[in-house]
């Protein structure tokens, strides 16, 4: 009985992690597109490419290097 409940909880957690990563990735894409205060004129295009191609890792890099610094 307890093992069945633990397996169900583990399944739910393992399903929520990719959804959270997807939401974070989309949030960072939206932030890059909306942000106006980049230093260089090509920085916005560069960050869009990085976040789109590198996925969650690119979104995390953008979050820690740009979003936290500029917000």
N, C-alpha and C. Protein backbone atom coordinates (compact mmCIF):
# COMPACT_ATOMS: atom_id res chain seq x y z
N UNK A 1 0.82 -1.20 0.00
CA UNK A 1 0.00 0.00 0.00
C UNK A 1 0.86 1.26 0.00
N UNK A 2 1.83 1.32 0.92
CA UNK A 2 2.69 2.49 1.00
C UNK A 2 3.56 2.60 -0.24
N UNK A 3 4.04 1.47 -0.73
CA UNK A 3 4.88 1.48 -1.93
C UNK A 3 4.09 1.99 -3.15
N UNK A 4 2.83 1.64 -3.23
CA UNK A 4 1.99 2.11 -4.34
C UNK A 4 1.81 3.62 -4.29
N UNK A 5 1.61 4.15 -3.09
CA UNK A 5 1.45 5.59 -2.92
C UNK A 5 2.76 6.30 -3.27
N UNK A 6 3.88 5.76 -2.82
CA UNK A 6 5.18 6.35 -3.15
C UNK A 6 5.46 6.33 -4.64
N UNK A 7 5.08 5.26 -5.30
CA UNK A 7 5.28 5.17 -6.75
C UNK A 7 4.42 6.20 -7.49
N UNK A 8 3.22 6.40 -7.03
CA UNK A 8 2.33 7.41 -7.63
C UNK A 8 2.91 8.80 -7.43
N UNK A 9 3.38 9.10 -6.22
CA UNK A 9 3.99 10.40 -5.94
C UNK A 9 5.24 10.62 -6.78
N UNK A 10 6.06 9.59 -6.90
CA UNK A 10 7.27 9.69 -7.71
C UNK A 10 6.92 9.94 -9.18
N UNK A 11 5.91 9.28 -9.67
CA UNK A 11 5.46 9.48 -11.05
C UNK A 11 4.98 10.91 -11.26
N UNK A 12 4.23 11.44 -10.31
CA UNK A 12 3.74 12.82 -10.43
C UNK A 12 4.89 13.80 -10.43
N UNK A 13 5.85 13.61 -9.52
CA UNK A 13 7.01 14.51 -9.46
C UNK A 13 7.82 14.44 -10.75
N UNK A 14 8.03 13.25 -11.26
CA UNK A 14 8.81 13.09 -12.49
C UNK A 14 8.09 13.67 -13.70
N UNK A 15 6.77 13.80 -13.63
CA UNK A 15 6.03 14.43 -14.72
C UNK A 15 6.04 15.95 -14.59
N UNK A 16 6.13 16.47 -13.37
CA UNK A 16 6.11 17.91 -13.16
C UNK A 16 7.45 18.58 -13.48
N UNK A 17 8.55 17.87 -13.32
CA UNK A 17 9.87 18.46 -13.56
C UNK A 17 10.01 18.92 -15.02
N UNK A 18 9.72 18.10 -16.03
CA UNK A 18 9.83 18.60 -17.41
C UNK A 18 8.86 19.75 -17.71
N UNK A 19 7.69 19.72 -17.10
CA UNK A 19 6.73 20.81 -17.31
C UNK A 19 7.29 22.11 -16.73
N UNK A 20 7.91 22.04 -15.56
CA UNK A 20 8.52 23.22 -14.95
C UNK A 20 9.66 23.75 -15.82
N UNK A 21 10.48 22.86 -16.36
CA UNK A 21 11.56 23.28 -17.27
C UNK A 21 11.00 23.96 -18.51
N UNK A 22 9.93 23.42 -19.06
CA UNK A 22 9.31 24.01 -20.25
C UNK A 22 8.76 25.40 -19.95
N UNK A 23 8.10 25.56 -18.82
CA UNK A 23 7.55 26.86 -18.43
C UNK A 23 8.68 27.87 -18.24
N UNK A 24 9.76 27.47 -17.58
CA UNK A 24 10.91 28.34 -17.37
C UNK A 24 11.52 28.76 -18.70
N UNK A 25 11.67 27.82 -19.64
CA UNK A 25 12.25 28.09 -20.95
C UNK A 25 11.39 29.10 -21.72
N UNK A 26 10.08 28.90 -21.71
CA UNK A 26 9.16 29.82 -22.40
C UNK A 26 9.20 31.20 -21.75
N UNK A 27 9.26 31.24 -20.41
CA UNK A 27 9.34 32.50 -19.68
C UNK A 27 10.58 33.28 -20.08
N UNK A 28 11.73 32.60 -20.23
CA UNK A 28 12.97 33.28 -20.61
C UNK A 28 12.92 33.75 -22.06
N UNK A 29 12.29 32.98 -22.95
CA UNK A 29 12.14 33.41 -24.34
C UNK A 29 11.31 34.70 -24.38
N UNK A 30 10.22 34.72 -23.65
CA UNK A 30 9.37 35.92 -23.61
C UNK A 30 10.14 37.10 -23.04
N UNK A 31 10.94 36.86 -22.00
CA UNK A 31 11.71 37.95 -21.40
C UNK A 31 12.73 38.51 -22.39
N UNK A 32 13.41 37.65 -23.13
CA UNK A 32 14.39 38.13 -24.12
C UNK A 32 13.70 38.98 -25.18
N UNK A 33 12.57 38.52 -25.66
CA UNK A 33 11.86 39.23 -26.72
C UNK A 33 11.36 40.60 -26.23
N UNK A 34 10.87 40.67 -25.00
CA UNK A 34 10.31 41.92 -24.49
C UNK A 34 11.36 42.91 -24.00
N UNK A 35 12.52 42.42 -23.59
CA UNK A 35 13.54 43.29 -22.97
C UNK A 35 14.12 44.27 -23.98
N UNK A 36 14.25 45.51 -23.57
CA UNK A 36 14.75 46.57 -24.44
C UNK A 36 16.15 47.05 -24.07
N UNK A 37 16.63 46.76 -22.87
CA UNK A 37 17.87 47.37 -22.39
C UNK A 37 19.09 46.46 -22.49
N UNK A 38 19.35 45.94 -23.69
CA UNK A 38 20.59 45.21 -23.93
C UNK A 38 21.69 46.20 -24.26
N UNK A 39 22.93 45.83 -23.98
CA UNK A 39 24.05 46.74 -24.20
C UNK A 39 24.36 46.93 -25.69
N UNK A 40 24.50 45.84 -26.43
CA UNK A 40 24.82 45.93 -27.85
C UNK A 40 23.56 45.82 -28.69
N UNK A 41 23.69 46.20 -29.95
CA UNK A 41 22.51 46.16 -30.82
C UNK A 41 22.17 44.74 -31.27
N UNK A 42 23.15 43.84 -31.26
CA UNK A 42 22.89 42.46 -31.67
C UNK A 42 22.71 41.51 -30.49
N UNK A 43 22.77 42.02 -29.27
CA UNK A 43 22.67 41.16 -28.09
C UNK A 43 21.32 40.46 -28.01
N UNK A 44 20.26 41.16 -28.37
CA UNK A 44 18.92 40.56 -28.30
C UNK A 44 18.81 39.35 -29.23
N UNK A 45 19.28 39.50 -30.45
CA UNK A 45 19.23 38.39 -31.42
C UNK A 45 20.10 37.24 -30.93
N UNK A 46 21.27 37.56 -30.41
CA UNK A 46 22.17 36.53 -29.90
C UNK A 46 21.53 35.75 -28.76
N UNK A 47 20.90 36.45 -27.82
CA UNK A 47 20.27 35.76 -26.68
C UNK A 47 19.05 34.96 -27.10
N UNK A 48 18.31 35.44 -28.08
CA UNK A 48 17.18 34.65 -28.59
C UNK A 48 17.69 33.33 -29.17
N UNK A 49 18.75 33.40 -29.95
CA UNK A 49 19.33 32.19 -30.55
C UNK A 49 19.85 31.24 -29.46
N UNK A 50 20.56 31.79 -28.47
CA UNK A 50 21.11 30.96 -27.39
C UNK A 50 20.00 30.26 -26.62
N UNK A 51 18.97 31.01 -26.24
CA UNK A 51 17.89 30.41 -25.44
C UNK A 51 17.10 29.39 -26.26
N UNK A 52 16.87 29.69 -27.53
CA UNK A 52 16.12 28.74 -28.36
C UNK A 52 16.90 27.46 -28.63
N UNK A 53 18.18 27.60 -28.96
CA UNK A 53 18.96 26.42 -29.35
C UNK A 53 19.50 25.62 -28.16
N UNK A 54 19.82 26.30 -27.06
CA UNK A 54 20.39 25.60 -25.91
C UNK A 54 19.33 25.14 -24.92
N UNK A 55 18.10 25.50 -25.16
CA UNK A 55 17.01 25.01 -24.32
C UNK A 55 17.08 25.53 -22.89
N UNK A 56 16.85 24.64 -21.95
CA UNK A 56 16.79 25.02 -20.54
C UNK A 56 18.15 25.52 -20.05
N UNK A 57 19.22 24.95 -20.56
CA UNK A 57 20.55 25.40 -20.15
C UNK A 57 20.79 26.83 -20.62
N UNK A 58 20.43 27.13 -21.85
CA UNK A 58 20.55 28.50 -22.35
C UNK A 58 19.66 29.46 -21.58
N UNK A 59 18.47 29.01 -21.21
CA UNK A 59 17.56 29.84 -20.43
C UNK A 59 18.15 30.12 -19.05
N UNK A 60 18.77 29.12 -18.44
CA UNK A 60 19.38 29.31 -17.12
C UNK A 60 20.57 30.26 -17.21
N UNK A 61 21.37 30.14 -18.26
CA UNK A 61 22.50 31.05 -18.45
C UNK A 61 21.99 32.47 -18.62
N UNK A 62 20.97 32.65 -19.44
CA UNK A 62 20.37 33.97 -19.64
C UNK A 62 19.83 34.52 -18.32
N UNK A 63 19.16 33.68 -17.56
CA UNK A 63 18.57 34.12 -16.29
C UNK A 63 19.65 34.65 -15.34
N UNK A 64 20.73 33.90 -15.18
CA UNK A 64 21.74 34.29 -14.20
C UNK A 64 22.66 35.39 -14.70
N UNK A 65 22.91 35.47 -16.01
CA UNK A 65 23.83 36.49 -16.52
C UNK A 65 23.13 37.80 -16.87
N UNK A 66 21.89 37.76 -17.35
CA UNK A 66 21.23 38.96 -17.84
C UNK A 66 20.05 39.36 -16.96
N UNK A 67 19.10 38.47 -16.80
CA UNK A 67 17.85 38.84 -16.12
C UNK A 67 18.09 39.28 -14.67
N UNK A 68 18.86 38.53 -13.90
CA UNK A 68 19.08 38.90 -12.50
C UNK A 68 19.89 40.20 -12.41
N UNK A 69 20.80 40.42 -13.35
CA UNK A 69 21.63 41.62 -13.32
C UNK A 69 20.83 42.86 -13.68
N UNK A 70 19.94 42.77 -14.66
CA UNK A 70 19.23 43.94 -15.16
C UNK A 70 17.91 44.22 -14.47
N UNK A 71 17.38 43.25 -13.73
CA UNK A 71 16.09 43.48 -13.04
C UNK A 71 16.30 44.09 -11.67
